[in-house]
Protein backbone atom coordinates (compact mmCIF):
# COMPACT_ATOMS: atom_id res chain seq x y z
CA GLN A 1 0.02 0.13 0.03
CA VAL A 2 0.86 3.61 -0.67
CA GLN A 3 -0.40 6.49 1.42
CA LEU A 4 -0.61 9.75 -0.18
CA VAL A 5 -1.29 13.10 1.50
CA GLU A 6 -1.78 16.32 -0.44
CA SER A 7 -1.14 19.87 1.06
CA GLY A 8 -0.82 23.31 -0.12
CA GLY A 9 -4.27 23.96 -1.53
CA GLY A 10 -6.13 27.33 -0.89
CA LEU A 11 -7.65 30.58 -2.18
CA VAL A 12 -5.76 32.62 -4.72
CA LEU A 13 -6.45 35.48 -7.03
CA ALA A 14 -6.49 35.07 -10.71
CA GLY A 15 -2.79 35.30 -12.07
CA GLY A 16 -1.39 34.03 -8.68
CA SER A 17 0.63 30.87 -7.88
CA LEU A 18 0.31 27.96 -5.55
CA ARG A 19 2.43 24.93 -4.88
CA LEU A 20 0.93 21.66 -3.96
CA SER A 21 2.87 18.99 -2.25
CA CYS A 22 2.12 15.26 -2.09
CA ALA A 23 3.90 13.27 0.62
CA ALA A 24 4.13 9.44 0.26
CA SER A 25 4.58 6.68 2.55
CA GLY A 26 4.37 3.01 2.78
CA ARG A 27 6.46 1.83 -0.22
CA THR A 28 9.74 2.62 -1.87
CA PHE A 29 8.82 5.99 -3.50
CA THR A 30 11.07 5.39 -6.39
CA ASN A 31 9.19 2.40 -7.52
CA TYR A 32 6.24 4.51 -8.51
CA GLU A 33 5.16 7.17 -11.27
CA MET A 34 3.24 9.92 -10.05
CA GLY A 35 0.40 12.04 -11.53
CA TRP A 36 -1.89 14.95 -10.76
CA PHE A 37 -5.45 15.07 -11.43
CA ARG A 38 -8.25 17.51 -10.75
CA GLN A 39 -11.87 17.48 -10.42
CA ALA A 40 -14.18 20.42 -10.46
CA PRO A 41 -17.86 20.31 -9.36
CA GLY A 42 -19.92 18.47 -11.77
CA LYS A 43 -17.17 17.45 -13.94
CA GLU A 44 -15.13 14.19 -14.31
CA ARG A 45 -11.70 14.04 -12.91
CA GLU A 46 -9.22 15.15 -15.51
CA PHE A 47 -5.48 14.61 -15.78
CA VAL A 48 -3.06 17.50 -15.03
CA GLY A 49 0.33 16.04 -15.33
CA GLY A 50 2.71 13.32 -14.47
CA VAL A 51 6.25 12.55 -13.65
CA ASP A 52 8.40 9.35 -14.08
CA TRP A 53 9.98 7.66 -11.20
CA PHE A 54 13.31 9.60 -11.52
CA GLY A 55 11.80 12.99 -12.17
CA ASP A 56 13.49 13.91 -15.39
CA THR A 57 10.25 13.16 -17.54
CA THR A 58 7.26 15.15 -16.99
CA TYR A 59 4.31 15.55 -19.18
CA TYR A 60 1.18 17.77 -18.96
CA ALA A 61 -2.42 18.34 -20.13
CA ASP A 62 -2.65 20.95 -22.73
CA SER A 63 -4.70 23.06 -20.40
CA VAL A 64 -1.76 23.64 -18.02
CA LYS A 65 1.18 23.29 -20.35
CA GLY A 66 3.55 26.27 -19.67
CA ARG A 67 1.81 27.27 -16.42
CA PHE A 68 2.22 24.23 -14.19
CA THR A 69 5.35 22.16 -13.27
CA ILE A 70 5.62 18.78 -11.65
CA SER A 71 8.74 17.82 -9.76
CA ARG A 72 9.55 15.26 -7.24
CA ASP A 73 12.04 14.96 -4.50
CA ASN A 74 12.89 11.18 -3.91
CA ALA A 75 14.78 11.84 -0.80
CA LYS A 76 11.74 13.45 0.73
CA ASN A 77 9.25 11.07 -0.68
CA THR A 78 7.47 14.10 -2.12
CA VAL A 79 5.87 15.23 -5.43
CA TYR A 80 5.22 18.81 -6.15
CA LEU A 81 2.79 20.70 -8.49
CA GLN A 82 3.87 24.28 -8.88
CA MET A 83 0.94 26.31 -10.43
CA ASN A 84 1.55 29.80 -11.96
CA SER A 85 -0.73 32.08 -13.91
CA LEU A 86 -3.77 30.52 -12.16
CA LYS A 87 -7.10 31.00 -13.86
CA PRO A 88 -10.63 30.68 -12.43
CA GLU A 89 -11.11 27.60 -14.49
CA ASP A 90 -8.32 25.84 -12.54
CA THR A 91 -10.59 25.82 -9.53
CA ALA A 92 -10.91 22.14 -8.52
CA VAL A 93 -10.07 19.62 -5.95
CA TYR A 94 -6.56 18.41 -6.79
CA TYR A 95 -5.45 14.84 -6.37
CA CYS A 96 -1.93 13.19 -6.49
CA ALA A 97 -1.90 9.49 -7.70
CA ALA A 98 0.74 6.79 -7.72
CA ARG A 99 1.35 3.75 -9.79
CA PRO A 100 3.99 1.27 -10.46
CA ALA A 101 6.67 2.43 -12.63
CA ARG A 102 6.23 1.12 -16.11
CA GLY A 103 8.45 3.40 -18.12
CA ARG A 104 5.82 5.07 -19.92
CA GLY A 105 3.35 7.90 -19.27
CA ALA A 106 -0.07 7.38 -17.91
CA SER A 107 -2.90 10.17 -18.21
CA GLN A 108 -5.91 8.16 -17.30
CA ALA A 109 -7.34 7.62 -13.88
CA TYR A 110 -7.83 4.08 -14.20
CA GLU A 111 -4.11 3.47 -14.63
CA TYR A 112 -3.23 4.85 -11.18
CA ASP A 113 -3.51 2.47 -8.16
CA TYR A 114 -3.15 4.86 -5.30
CA TRP A 115 -4.83 8.14 -4.53
CA GLY A 116 -4.51 11.04 -1.89
CA GLN A 117 -7.66 12.57 -0.30
CA GLY A 118 -7.32 15.88 -2.33
CA THR A 119 -6.86 19.51 -1.75
CA GLN A 120 -9.03 22.43 -2.69
CA VAL A 121 -7.77 24.94 -4.89
CA THR A 122 -9.89 28.00 -5.40
CA VAL A 123 -9.01 30.82 -8.03
CA SER A 124 -10.97 33.96 -7.87
CA SER A 125 -11.44 36.47 -10.42
């Protein structure tokens, strides 16, 4: 089992920034690829971005490309989501997720085995 705990959400003005963290425990962190998803009220959960086990390969949804950056610190068992130039449409509950490393990217929720409880991000205009 892998336990994931997100933090760093909050209320921010449009154009502002937030950094989300996801702390992992329970298994060897470097055995897992990590992803970030979000879910707005009344909408399906959508992929935000992902990172490979080492941290040198990242990939993003088109809606956040150029504004969001994913990184991981394997020494701290933590993955981060730096969000810049936030827009009201970025408002959602953000979740981190983990799956055993397979050497390829994954952007579908069903491909991930472990999930955090989520953290709310609200962007006001």
